[in-house]
C-alpha atoms as a PDB file:
ATOM      1  CA  MET A   1     -24.147  16.315 -47.345  1.00  0.00           C
ATOM      2  CA  ASN A   2     -20.666  18.629 -47.540  1.00  0.00           C
ATOM      3  CA  ASN A   3     -19.677  20.205 -50.339  1.00  0.00           C
ATOM      4  CA  GLU A   4     -16.761  17.979 -50.694  1.00  0.00           C
ATOM      5  CA  GLN A   5     -19.126  14.772 -50.808  1.00  0.00           C
ATOM      6  CA  SER A   6     -21.306  16.972 -53.043  1.00  0.00           C
ATOM      7  CA  ALA A   7     -18.382  17.970 -55.762  1.00  0.00           C
ATOM      8  CA  ILE A   8     -17.424  14.223 -55.954  1.00  0.00           C
ATOM      9  CA  LYS A   9     -20.640  12.959 -56.650  1.00  0.00           C
ATOM     10  CA  THR A  10     -21.111  15.432 -59.270  1.00  0.00           C
ATOM     11  CA  THR A  11     -17.601  14.140 -60.557  1.00  0.00           C
ATOM     12  CA  TYR A  12     -19.186  11.087 -60.705  1.00  0.00           C
ATOM     13  CA  PHE A  13     -22.068  12.097 -62.907  1.00  0.00           C
ATOM     14  CA  SER A  14     -19.867  13.692 -65.785  1.00  0.00           C
ATOM     15  CA  ILE A  15     -17.494  10.503 -66.269  1.00  0.00           C
ATOM     16  CA  ALA A  16     -20.426   8.778 -66.796  1.00  0.00           C
ATOM     17  CA  GLY A  17     -21.804  11.283 -69.343  1.00  0.00           C
ATOM     18  CA  ASN A  18     -18.493  11.318 -71.354  1.00  0.00           C
ATOM     19  CA  ILE A  19     -17.779   7.602 -71.463  1.00  0.00           C
ATOM     20  CA  PHE A  20     -21.249   7.588 -72.987  1.00  0.00           C
ATOM     21  CA  LEU A  21     -20.980  10.660 -75.166  1.00  0.00           C
ATOM     22  CA  ALA A  22     -17.591   9.615 -76.455  1.00  0.00           C
ATOM     23  CA  ILE A  23     -18.734   6.039 -77.705  1.00  0.00           C
ATOM     24  CA  ILE A  24     -22.081   7.562 -79.087  1.00  0.00           C
ATOM     25  CA  LYS A  25     -19.905  10.369 -80.912  1.00  0.00           C
ATOM     26  CA  GLY A  26     -17.379   7.829 -82.183  1.00  0.00           C
ATOM     27  CA  LEU A  27     -19.681   5.048 -84.192  1.00  0.00           C
ATOM     28  CA  ALA A  28     -21.812   8.170 -85.329  1.00  0.00           C
ATOM     29  CA  GLY A  29     -19.147  10.024 -86.504  1.00  0.00           C
ATOM     30  CA  ILE A  30     -17.566   7.003 -88.220  1.00  0.00           C
ATOM     31  CA  PHE A  31     -20.847   5.306 -90.012  1.00  0.00           C
ATOM     32  CA  GLY A  32     -21.783   8.765 -90.602  1.00  0.00           C
ATOM     33  CA  ASN A  33     -18.758   9.713 -92.350  1.00  0.00           C
ATOM     34  CA  SER A  34     -18.125  13.049 -90.188  1.00  0.00           C
ATOM     35  CA  TYR A  35     -14.956  13.864 -89.018  1.00  0.00           C
ATOM     36  CA  ALA A  36     -16.685  16.653 -86.582  1.00  0.00           C
ATOM     37  CA  LEU A  37     -18.078  14.226 -84.768  1.00  0.00           C
ATOM     38  CA  ILE A  38     -15.070  12.552 -84.656  1.00  0.00           C
ATOM     39  CA  ALA A  39     -13.512  15.369 -83.212  1.00  0.00           C
ATOM     40  CA  ASP A  40     -16.407  15.590 -80.378  1.00  0.00           C
ATOM     41  CA  ALA A  41     -15.454  12.175 -79.610  1.00  0.00           C
ATOM     42  CA  ILE A  42     -12.126  12.876 -78.999  1.00  0.00           C
ATOM     43  CA  GLU A  43     -12.859  15.524 -76.832  1.00  0.00           C
ATOM     44  CA  SER A  44     -15.174  13.953 -75.015  1.00  0.00           C
ATOM     45  CA  THR A  45     -12.693  10.870 -74.381  1.00  0.00           C
ATOM     46  CA  THR A  46     -10.478  13.281 -72.751  1.00  0.00           C
ATOM     47  CA  ASP A  47     -12.809  14.665 -70.778  1.00  0.00           C
ATOM     48  CA  ILE A  48     -12.799  11.458 -69.655  1.00  0.00           C
ATOM     49  CA  PHE A  49      -9.721  11.583 -68.302  1.00  0.00           C
ATOM     50  CA  SER A  50     -10.178  14.914 -66.825  1.00  0.00           C
ATOM     51  CA  SER A  51     -12.694  14.160 -64.792  1.00  0.00           C
ATOM     52  CA  LEU A  52     -10.529  11.863 -63.299  1.00  0.00           C
ATOM     53  CA  LEU A  53      -8.440  13.857 -62.337  1.00  0.00           C
ATOM     54  CA  VAL A  54     -10.729  16.034 -61.130  1.00  0.00           C
ATOM     55  CA  LEU A  55     -12.256  13.272 -59.072  1.00  0.00           C
ATOM     56  CA  PHE A  56      -8.510  12.884 -57.501  1.00  0.00           C
ATOM     57  CA  GLY A  57      -8.002  16.021 -57.085  1.00  0.00           C
ATOM     58  CA  LEU A  58     -11.211  16.656 -54.968  1.00  0.00           C
ATOM     59  CA  LYS A  59     -10.812  13.280 -52.991  1.00  0.00           C
ATOM     60  CA  TYR A  60      -7.345  14.355 -52.004  1.00  0.00           C
ATOM     61  CA  ALA A  61      -8.279  17.480 -51.188  1.00  0.00           C
ATOM     62  CA  LYS A  62     -11.048  16.072 -48.458  1.00  0.00           C
ATOM     63  CA  ARG A  63      -7.721  15.218 -46.279  1.00  0.00           C
ATOM     64  CA  PRO A  64      -7.674  16.858 -43.261  1.00  0.00           C
ATOM     65  CA  ALA A  65      -5.296  19.183 -42.300  1.00  0.00           C
ATOM     66  CA  ASP A  66      -1.440  17.093 -40.915  1.00  0.00           C
ATOM     67  CA  GLU A  67       1.951  18.220 -39.642  1.00  0.00           C
ATOM     68  CA  ASN A  68       3.390  19.036 -42.988  1.00  0.00           C
ATOM     69  CA  HIS A  69      -0.159  20.810 -44.247  1.00  0.00           C
ATOM     70  CA  PRO A  70      -1.483  22.853 -41.735  1.00  0.00           C
ATOM     71  CA  TYR A  71      -4.181  24.423 -43.676  1.00  0.00           C
ATOM     72  CA  GLY A  72      -5.213  20.850 -45.353  1.00  0.00           C
ATOM     73  CA  HIS A  73      -4.540  19.953 -48.939  1.00  0.00           C
ATOM     74  CA  GLY A  74      -7.049  21.982 -51.111  1.00  0.00           C
ATOM     75  CA  LYS A  75      -4.841  23.709 -53.180  1.00  0.00           C
ATOM     76  CA  ILE A  76      -4.293  20.961 -55.026  1.00  0.00           C
ATOM     77  CA  GLU A  77      -8.121  22.072 -56.742  1.00  0.00           C
ATOM     78  CA  PRO A  78      -5.990  24.745 -58.929  1.00  0.00           C
ATOM     79  CA  LEU A  79      -3.299  22.188 -59.962  1.00  0.00           C
ATOM     80  CA  ILE A  80      -5.693  19.899 -61.293  1.00  0.00           C
ATOM     81  CA  THR A  81      -7.132  22.559 -63.236  1.00  0.00           C
ATOM     82  CA  PHE A  82      -4.186  23.356 -64.626  1.00  0.00           C
ATOM     83  CA  LEU A  83      -3.985  19.881 -66.342  1.00  0.00           C
ATOM     84  CA  VAL A  84      -7.468  19.596 -67.084  1.00  0.00           C
ATOM     85  CA  VAL A  85      -6.797  22.791 -69.206  1.00  0.00           C
ATOM     86  CA  GLY A  86      -3.802  21.022 -70.190  1.00  0.00           C
ATOM     87  CA  PHE A  87      -6.097  18.361 -71.881  1.00  0.00           C
ATOM     88  CA  LEU A  88      -8.055  21.036 -73.074  1.00  0.00           C
ATOM     89  CA  ILE A  89      -5.506  22.179 -75.142  1.00  0.00           C
ATOM     90  CA  THR A  90      -4.329  18.920 -76.349  1.00  0.00           C
ATOM     91  CA  SER A  91      -7.545  17.979 -77.776  1.00  0.00           C
ATOM     92  CA  ALA A  92      -7.673  21.248 -79.445  1.00  0.00           C
ATOM     93  CA  THR A  93      -4.276  20.405 -81.195  1.00  0.00           C
ATOM     94  CA  ILE A  94      -5.391  17.357 -81.952  1.00  0.00           C
ATOM     95  CA  ILE A  95      -9.046  18.523 -83.315  1.00  0.00           C
ATOM     96  CA  ALA A  96      -7.049  20.949 -85.345  1.00  0.00           C
ATOM     97  CA  TYR A  97      -4.660  18.726 -86.940  1.00  0.00           C
ATOM     98  CA  GLU A  98      -6.941  16.160 -87.722  1.00  0.00           C
ATOM     99  CA  SER A  99      -9.300  19.235 -89.501  1.00  0.00           C
ATOM    100  CA  ILE A 100      -6.809  20.574 -91.623  1.00  0.00           C
ATOM    101  CA  MET A 101      -5.711  16.994 -92.589  1.00  0.00           C
ATOM    102  CA  ASN A 102      -9.145  16.037 -93.837  1.00  0.00           C
ATOM    103  CA  ILE A 103      -9.812  18.919 -96.010  1.00  0.00           C
ATOM    104  CA  LEU A 104      -6.842  18.193 -97.750  1.00  0.00           C
ATOM    105  CA  THR A 105      -8.048  14.920 -98.206  1.00  0.00           C
ATOM    106  CA  PRO A 106     -11.348  14.387-100.271  1.00  0.00           C
ATOM    107  CA  HIS A 107     -14.659  12.550 -98.475  1.00  0.00           C
ATOM    108  CA  LYS A 108     -18.092  11.877 -98.992  1.00  0.00           C
ATOM    109  CA  THR A 109     -20.862  14.137 -97.320  1.00  0.00           C
ATOM    110  CA  PRO A 110     -21.935  13.320 -93.643  1.00  0.00           C
ATOM    111  CA  LYS A 111     -25.213  11.633 -93.306  1.00  0.00           C
ATOM    112  CA  SER A 112     -28.080  13.818 -92.750  1.00  0.00           C
ATOM    113  CA  TRP A 113     -28.833  11.123 -89.472  1.00  0.00           C
ATOM    114  CA  THR A 114     -25.956  12.685 -88.279  1.00  0.00           C
ATOM    115  CA  LEU A 115     -27.822  16.284 -87.432  1.00  0.00           C
ATOM    116  CA  LEU A 116     -30.158  14.229 -84.461  1.00  0.00           C
ATOM    117  CA  VAL A 117     -27.498  12.748 -82.815  1.00  0.00           C
ATOM    118  CA  LEU A 118     -25.841  16.023 -82.461  1.00  0.00           C
ATOM    119  CA  GLY A 119     -29.011  17.884 -81.725  1.00  0.00           C
ATOM    120  CA  THR A 120     -29.573  15.280 -78.906  1.00  0.00           C
ATOM    121  CA  ILE A 121     -25.628  15.626 -77.890  1.00  0.00           C
ATOM    122  CA  ILE A 122     -25.838  19.505 -77.677  1.00  0.00           C
ATOM    123  CA  LEU A 123     -28.765  19.663 -75.468  1.00  0.00           C
ATOM    124  CA  TRP A 124     -27.169  16.875 -72.837  1.00  0.00           C
ATOM    125  CA  LYS A 125     -24.163  18.877 -73.050  1.00  0.00           C
ATOM    126  CA  GLU A 126     -25.491  22.014 -71.759  1.00  0.00           C
ATOM    127  CA  ILE A 127     -27.685  20.603 -68.996  1.00  0.00           C
ATOM    128  CA  SER A 128     -24.605  18.609 -67.905  1.00  0.00           C
ATOM    129  CA  TYR A 129     -22.917  22.361 -68.035  1.00  0.00           C
ATOM    130  CA  ARG A 130     -25.354  23.821 -65.868  1.00  0.00           C
ATOM    131  CA  VAL A 131     -25.803  21.347 -63.430  1.00  0.00           C
ATOM    132  CA  VAL A 132     -21.919  20.774 -62.521  1.00  0.00           C
ATOM    133  CA  LEU A 133     -21.409  25.083 -63.054  1.00  0.00           C
ATOM    134  CA  LYS A 134     -24.332  24.717 -60.238  1.00  0.00           C
ATOM    135  CA  LYS A 135     -22.634  22.477 -57.953  1.00  0.00           C
ATOM    136  CA  SER A 136     -19.181  24.242 -58.450  1.00  0.00           C
ATOM    137  CA  ILE A 137     -20.382  27.348 -57.063  1.00  0.00           C
ATOM    138  CA  GLN A 138     -22.143  26.117 -54.555  1.00  0.00           C
ATOM    139  CA  THR A 139     -18.812  24.532 -53.209  1.00  0.00           C
ATOM    140  CA  ASN A 140     -16.593  26.874 -53.853  1.00  0.00           C
ATOM    141  CA  SER A 141     -14.341  24.765 -56.679  1.00  0.00           C
ATOM    142  CA  SER A 142     -12.246  25.735 -59.171  1.00  0.00           C
ATOM    143  CA  SER A 143     -11.672  22.537 -60.652  1.00  0.00           C
ATOM    144  CA  LEU A 144     -15.343  21.334 -60.738  1.00  0.00           C
ATOM    145  CA  LYS A 145     -15.585  24.721 -62.985  1.00  0.00           C
ATOM    146  CA  ALA A 146     -12.995  23.411 -65.058  1.00  0.00           C
ATOM    147  CA  ASP A 147     -14.792  20.081 -65.775  1.00  0.00           C
ATOM    148  CA  ALA A 148     -17.984  22.885 -65.853  1.00  0.00           C
ATOM    149  CA  TRP A 149     -16.396  24.254 -68.935  1.00  0.00           C
ATOM    150  CA  HIS A 150     -15.647  21.134 -70.521  1.00  0.00           C
ATOM    151  CA  HIS A 151     -19.180  20.599 -70.972  1.00  0.00           C
ATOM    152  CA  ARG A 152     -19.594  23.551 -72.498  1.00  0.00           C
ATOM    153  CA  SER A 153     -16.528  23.424 -75.080  1.00  0.00           C
ATOM    154  CA  ASP A 154     -17.767  20.279 -75.799  1.00  0.00           C
ATOM    155  CA  ALA A 155     -21.425  21.629 -76.468  1.00  0.00           C
ATOM    156  CA  ILE A 156     -19.758  24.326 -78.336  1.00  0.00           C
ATOM    157  CA  THR A 157     -17.704  21.746 -80.449  1.00  0.00           C
ATOM    158  CA  SER A 158     -21.214  20.290 -81.321  1.00  0.00           C
ATOM    159  CA  VAL A 159     -22.615  23.321 -82.487  1.00  0.00           C
ATOM    160  CA  MET A 160     -20.006  24.145 -84.705  1.00  0.00           C
ATOM    161  CA  ALA A 161     -20.347  20.343 -86.298  1.00  0.00           C
ATOM    162  CA  PHE A 162     -23.824  20.409 -86.540  1.00  0.00           C
ATOM    163  CA  ILE A 163     -23.457  23.964 -88.282  1.00  0.00           C
ATOM    164  CA  GLY A 164     -20.762  22.433 -91.103  1.00  0.00           C
ATOM    165  CA  ILE A 165     -22.630  19.223 -91.622  1.00  0.00           C
ATOM    166  CA  SER A 166     -26.153  21.385 -92.333  1.00  0.00           C
ATOM    167  CA  ILE A 167     -23.968  23.757 -95.138  1.00  0.00           C
ATOM    168  CA  ALA A 168     -22.285  20.112 -96.228  1.00  0.00           C
ATOM    169  CA  LEU A 169     -25.905  18.653 -96.706  1.00  0.00           C
ATOM    170  CA  ILE A 170     -27.660  21.620 -97.702  1.00  0.00           C
ATOM    171  CA  PHE A 171     -24.857  22.964-100.497  1.00  0.00           C
ATOM    172  CA  GLY A 172     -24.058  19.450-101.397  1.00  0.00           C
ATOM    173  CA  LYS A 173     -20.576  18.506-103.987  1.00  0.00           C
ATOM    174  CA  GLY A 174     -17.848  20.711-103.055  1.00  0.00           C
ATOM    175  CA  TYR A 175     -18.687  21.530 -99.467  1.00  0.00           C
ATOM    176  CA  GLU A 176     -18.250  17.996 -98.090  1.00  0.00           C
ATOM    177  CA  THR A 177     -15.451  19.947 -95.663  1.00  0.00           C
ATOM    178  CA  ALA A 178     -17.741  21.760 -94.210  1.00  0.00           C
ATOM    179  CA  ASP A 179     -18.242  20.219 -91.135  1.00  0.00           C
ATOM    180  CA  ASP A 180     -13.889  19.716 -90.911  1.00  0.00           C
ATOM    181  CA  TRP A 181     -13.676  23.561 -91.116  1.00  0.00           C
ATOM    182  CA  ALA A 182     -15.981  23.784 -88.338  1.00  0.00           C
ATOM    183  CA  ALA A 183     -14.103  21.136 -86.044  1.00  0.00           C
ATOM    184  CA  LEU A 184     -11.142  23.177 -86.854  1.00  0.00           C
ATOM    185  CA  ALA A 185     -13.320  26.478 -85.694  1.00  0.00           C
ATOM    186  CA  ALA A 186     -14.189  24.215 -82.740  1.00  0.00           C
ATOM    187  CA  SER A 187     -10.698  24.090 -81.433  1.00  0.00           C
ATOM    188  CA  PHE A 188     -10.540  27.905 -81.438  1.00  0.00           C
ATOM    189  CA  PHE A 189     -13.342  28.046 -79.311  1.00  0.00           C
ATOM    190  CA  ILE A 190     -11.569  25.046 -77.170  1.00  0.00           C
ATOM    191  CA  VAL A 191      -8.407  26.924 -76.723  1.00  0.00           C
ATOM    192  CA  TYR A 192     -10.147  30.191 -75.225  1.00  0.00           C
ATOM    193  CA  ASN A 193     -12.192  28.293 -72.992  1.00  0.00           C
ATOM    194  CA  GLY A 194      -8.905  27.150 -71.405  1.00  0.00           C
ATOM    195  CA  TYR A 195      -7.681  30.534 -70.690  1.00  0.00           C
ATOM    196  CA  LEU A 196     -10.759  31.573 -68.893  1.00  0.00           C
ATOM    197  CA  ILE A 197     -10.654  28.094 -66.811  1.00  0.00           C
ATOM    198  CA  PHE A 198      -6.963  28.945 -66.121  1.00  0.00           C
ATOM    199  CA  ARG A 199      -6.746  32.350 -65.022  1.00  0.00           C
ATOM    200  CA  PRO A 200      -9.131  32.291 -61.642  1.00  0.00           C
ATOM    201  CA  ALA A 201      -6.675  28.577 -60.941  1.00  0.00           C
ATOM    202  CA  LEU A 202      -3.734  30.988 -61.159  1.00  0.00           C
ATOM    203  CA  GLY A 203      -5.076  33.677 -59.445  1.00  0.00           C
ATOM    204  CA  GLU A 204      -6.249  31.141 -56.335  1.00  0.00           C
ATOM    205  CA  ILE A 205      -2.444  29.923 -56.810  1.00  0.00           C
ATOM    206  CA  MET A 206      -1.147  33.425 -56.657  1.00  0.00           C
ATOM    207  CA  ASP A 207      -3.943  34.255 -53.391  1.00  0.00           C
ATOM    208  CA  GLU A 208      -4.532  36.859 -55.452  1.00  0.00           C
ATOM    209  CA  HIS A 209      -7.374  38.983 -54.349  1.00  0.00           C
ATOM    210  CA  LEU A 210     -10.671  38.373 -55.459  1.00  0.00           C
ATOM    211  CA  TYR A 211     -12.930  38.554 -52.653  1.00  0.00           C
ATOM    212  CA  ASP A 212     -14.192  42.242 -51.966  1.00  0.00           C
ATOM    213  CA  ASP A 213     -17.946  40.458 -51.576  1.00  0.00           C
ATOM    214  CA  LEU A 214     -16.861  37.974 -49.051  1.00  0.00           C
ATOM    215  CA  ILE A 215     -14.417  41.234 -47.297  1.00  0.00           C
ATOM    216  CA  ASP A 216     -17.520  43.144 -46.692  1.00  0.00           C
ATOM    217  CA  GLU A 217     -19.785  40.073 -45.809  1.00  0.00           C
ATOM    218  CA  ILE A 218     -16.938  39.471 -42.595  1.00  0.00           C
ATOM    219  CA  ARG A 219     -16.664  42.870 -41.360  1.00  0.00           C
ATOM    220  CA  ASP A 220     -20.637  43.225 -41.510  1.00  0.00           C
ATOM    221  CA  VAL A 221     -20.736  39.962 -39.195  1.00  0.00           C
ATOM    222  CA  SER A 222     -17.457  40.868 -37.144  1.00  0.00           C
ATOM    223  CA  THR A 223     -19.260  44.386 -35.883  1.00  0.00           C
ATOM    224  CA  THR A 224     -22.716  42.110 -34.474  1.00  0.00           C
ATOM    225  CA  VAL A 225     -20.077  40.287 -31.979  1.00  0.00           C
ATOM    226  CA  ASP A 226     -20.741  42.385 -28.487  1.00  0.00           C
ATOM    227  CA  GLY A 227     -17.261  44.172 -27.875  1.00  0.00           C
ATOM    228  CA  ILE A 228     -15.874  44.236 -31.507  1.00  0.00           C
ATOM    229  CA  MET A 229     -15.837  48.145 -32.183  1.00  0.00           C
ATOM    230  CA  GLY A 230     -14.333  47.683 -36.079  1.00  0.00           C
ATOM    231  CA  THR A 231     -12.083  46.238 -38.418  1.00  0.00           C
ATOM    232  CA  GLU A 232      -8.882  46.834 -39.749  1.00  0.00           C
ATOM    233  CA  LYS A 233      -7.131  44.198 -42.526  1.00  0.00           C
ATOM    234  CA  CYS A 234      -8.932  41.681 -44.224  1.00  0.00           C
ATOM    235  CA  PHE A 235      -6.827  38.716 -46.114  1.00  0.00           C
ATOM    236  CA  ILE A 236      -8.349  35.903 -47.909  1.00  0.00           C
ATOM    237  CA  ARG A 237      -7.141  33.144 -49.531  1.00  0.00           C
ATOM    238  CA  LYS A 238      -8.750  30.222 -51.179  1.00  0.00           C
ATOM    239  CA  ALA A 239      -7.432  26.601 -50.697  1.00  0.00           C
ATOM    240  CA  GLY A 240     -10.267  24.051 -52.140  1.00  0.00           C
ATOM    241  CA  THR A 241     -13.607  24.372 -51.051  1.00  0.00           C
ATOM    242  CA  LYS A 242     -12.424  26.530 -48.151  1.00  0.00           C
ATOM    243  CA  TYR A 243     -11.949  30.214 -47.522  1.00  0.00           C
ATOM    244  CA  HIS A 244      -8.723  31.437 -44.634  1.00  0.00           C
ATOM    245  CA  ILE A 245      -9.315  34.609 -43.494  1.00  0.00           C
ATOM    246  CA  ASP A 246      -6.757  36.895 -41.668  1.00  0.00           C
ATOM    247  CA  LEU A 247      -8.415  39.387 -40.041  1.00  0.00           C
ATOM    248  CA  HIS A 248      -7.239  42.538 -37.706  1.00  0.00           C
ATOM    249  CA  ALA A 249     -10.178  43.302 -35.476  1.00  0.00           C
ATOM    250  CA  GLN A 250     -10.119  46.130 -32.976  1.00  0.00           C
ATOM    251  CA  VAL A 251     -11.664  46.205 -29.698  1.00  0.00           C
ATOM    252  CA  ASP A 252     -11.460  48.430 -26.393  1.00  0.00           C
ATOM    253  CA  GLY A 253      -7.894  49.697 -25.713  1.00  0.00           C
ATOM    254  CA  LYS A 254      -8.245  49.257 -21.951  1.00  0.00           C
ATOM    255  CA  ILE A 255      -9.164  45.457 -21.893  1.00  0.00           C
ATOM    256  CA  SER A 256      -7.390  42.841 -20.525  1.00  0.00           C
ATOM    257  CA  VAL A 257      -5.492  40.394 -22.841  1.00  0.00           C
ATOM    258  CA  LYS A 258      -7.206  37.680 -21.689  1.00  0.00           C
ATOM    259  CA  GLU A 259     -10.603  39.608 -22.643  1.00  0.00           C
ATOM    260  CA  GLY A 260      -9.419  40.633 -26.096  1.00  0.00           C
ATOM    261  CA  HIS A 261      -8.132  36.556 -26.353  1.00  0.00           C
ATOM    262  CA  ASP A 262     -11.770  36.138 -25.440  1.00  0.00           C
ATOM    263  CA  LEU A 263     -12.949  38.409 -27.857  1.00  0.00           C
ATOM    264  CA  SER A 264     -11.221  36.953 -30.824  1.00  0.00           C
ATOM    265  CA  HIS A 265     -12.694  33.465 -30.050  1.00  0.00           C
ATOM    266  CA  LYS A 266     -16.139  34.958 -29.797  1.00  0.00           C
ATOM    267  CA  LEU A 267     -15.389  36.548 -33.203  1.00  0.00           C
ATOM    268  CA  LYS A 268     -14.164  33.249 -34.528  1.00  0.00           C
ATOM    269  CA  ASP A 269     -16.701  31.174 -34.014  1.00  0.00           C
ATOM    270  CA  ARG A 270     -19.434  34.132 -35.291  1.00  0.00           C
ATOM    271  CA  LEU A 271     -18.140  34.127 -38.599  1.00  0.00           C
ATOM    272  CA  ARG A 272     -17.406  30.470 -39.162  1.00  0.00           C
ATOM    273  CA  ARG A 273     -20.796  30.318 -37.836  1.00  0.00           C
ATOM    274  CA  ASP A 274     -22.311  32.858 -40.557  1.00  0.00           C
ATOM    275  CA  ILE A 275     -20.478  32.408 -43.103  1.00  0.00           C
ATOM    276  CA  PRO A 276     -20.263  28.875 -45.383  1.00  0.00           C
ATOM    277  CA  ASN A 277     -17.206  27.264 -46.215  1.00  0.00           C
ATOM    278  CA  ILE A 278     -14.420  29.335 -43.989  1.00  0.00           C
ATOM    279  CA  GLY A 279     -11.518  27.542 -43.130  1.00  0.00           C
ATOM    280  CA  HIS A 280      -9.034  29.035 -40.683  1.00  0.00           C
ATOM    281  CA  VAL A 281      -9.449  31.933 -39.066  1.00  0.00           C
ATOM    282  CA  LEU A 282      -6.434  34.342 -37.635  1.00  0.00           C
ATOM    283  CA  ILE A 283      -7.729  37.023 -35.520  1.00  0.00           C
ATOM    284  CA  HIS A 284      -5.493  40.182 -34.644  1.00  0.00           C
ATOM    285  CA  ILE A 285      -6.518  42.394 -31.963  1.00  0.00           C
ATOM    286  CA  GLU A 286      -6.412  46.029 -32.788  1.00  0.00           C
ATOM    287  CA  PRO A 287      -6.810  48.910 -29.515  1.00  0.00           C
ATOM    288  CA  LYS A 288      -9.425  51.064 -30.690  1.00  0.00           C
END
């Protein structure tokens, strides 16, 4: 299974989990008198749509290069990540507004059994975060990483709800709004997570220099090719799950143009063989 297929399969896992949890949280929040759980359900609902966006982006990014997109369609991934961040910010805003409204409106203390529901949800979302994050690292997918942080922000929201409901149950009358305050606090965590997701995606769009370790690996592999005497400039751009390389390689200045041309192809083949997720490789030959 290639990176794109693995990432798509992981997204289906996220969608199924979010649908199930949105239903469970919504019902538990309504019948358990907990707006923190209802806020959690709102976030899980937005997670469904954001995961669908990620799925669309991953499938679109799989399209092969064409005349209009010679480097492929991978740049859609950070664009989808921006939309996912938009969903995060929107859900945080809704949660914050509704939390404030509930703080100003007297209501019943949440039911104690909602803590059991939340404990299960926290465990599941943390597992989901780790599974999806691991796949995002394996596949070099920025949008899948954003989806993973959706799971983590959901777990944070649930932890805050657990704390708020526990305070309301322990201290009783006068603390009925503790879970609403918890939901409000969770909204700020969600916004912060949105920034953590947005920043690397922006760097990807702007072709920011972020790949020192990969450059070192490229230089090491290059010198294993007979005839390549060293390297100079090395630039890397990321598009989707692939890295596109521009590399200046040094060769004996006395060899023929054809020999230099053949060496560039040998180097390109070696890089693609030894380093995963390499896309286009442009080799510029320099005389040593």
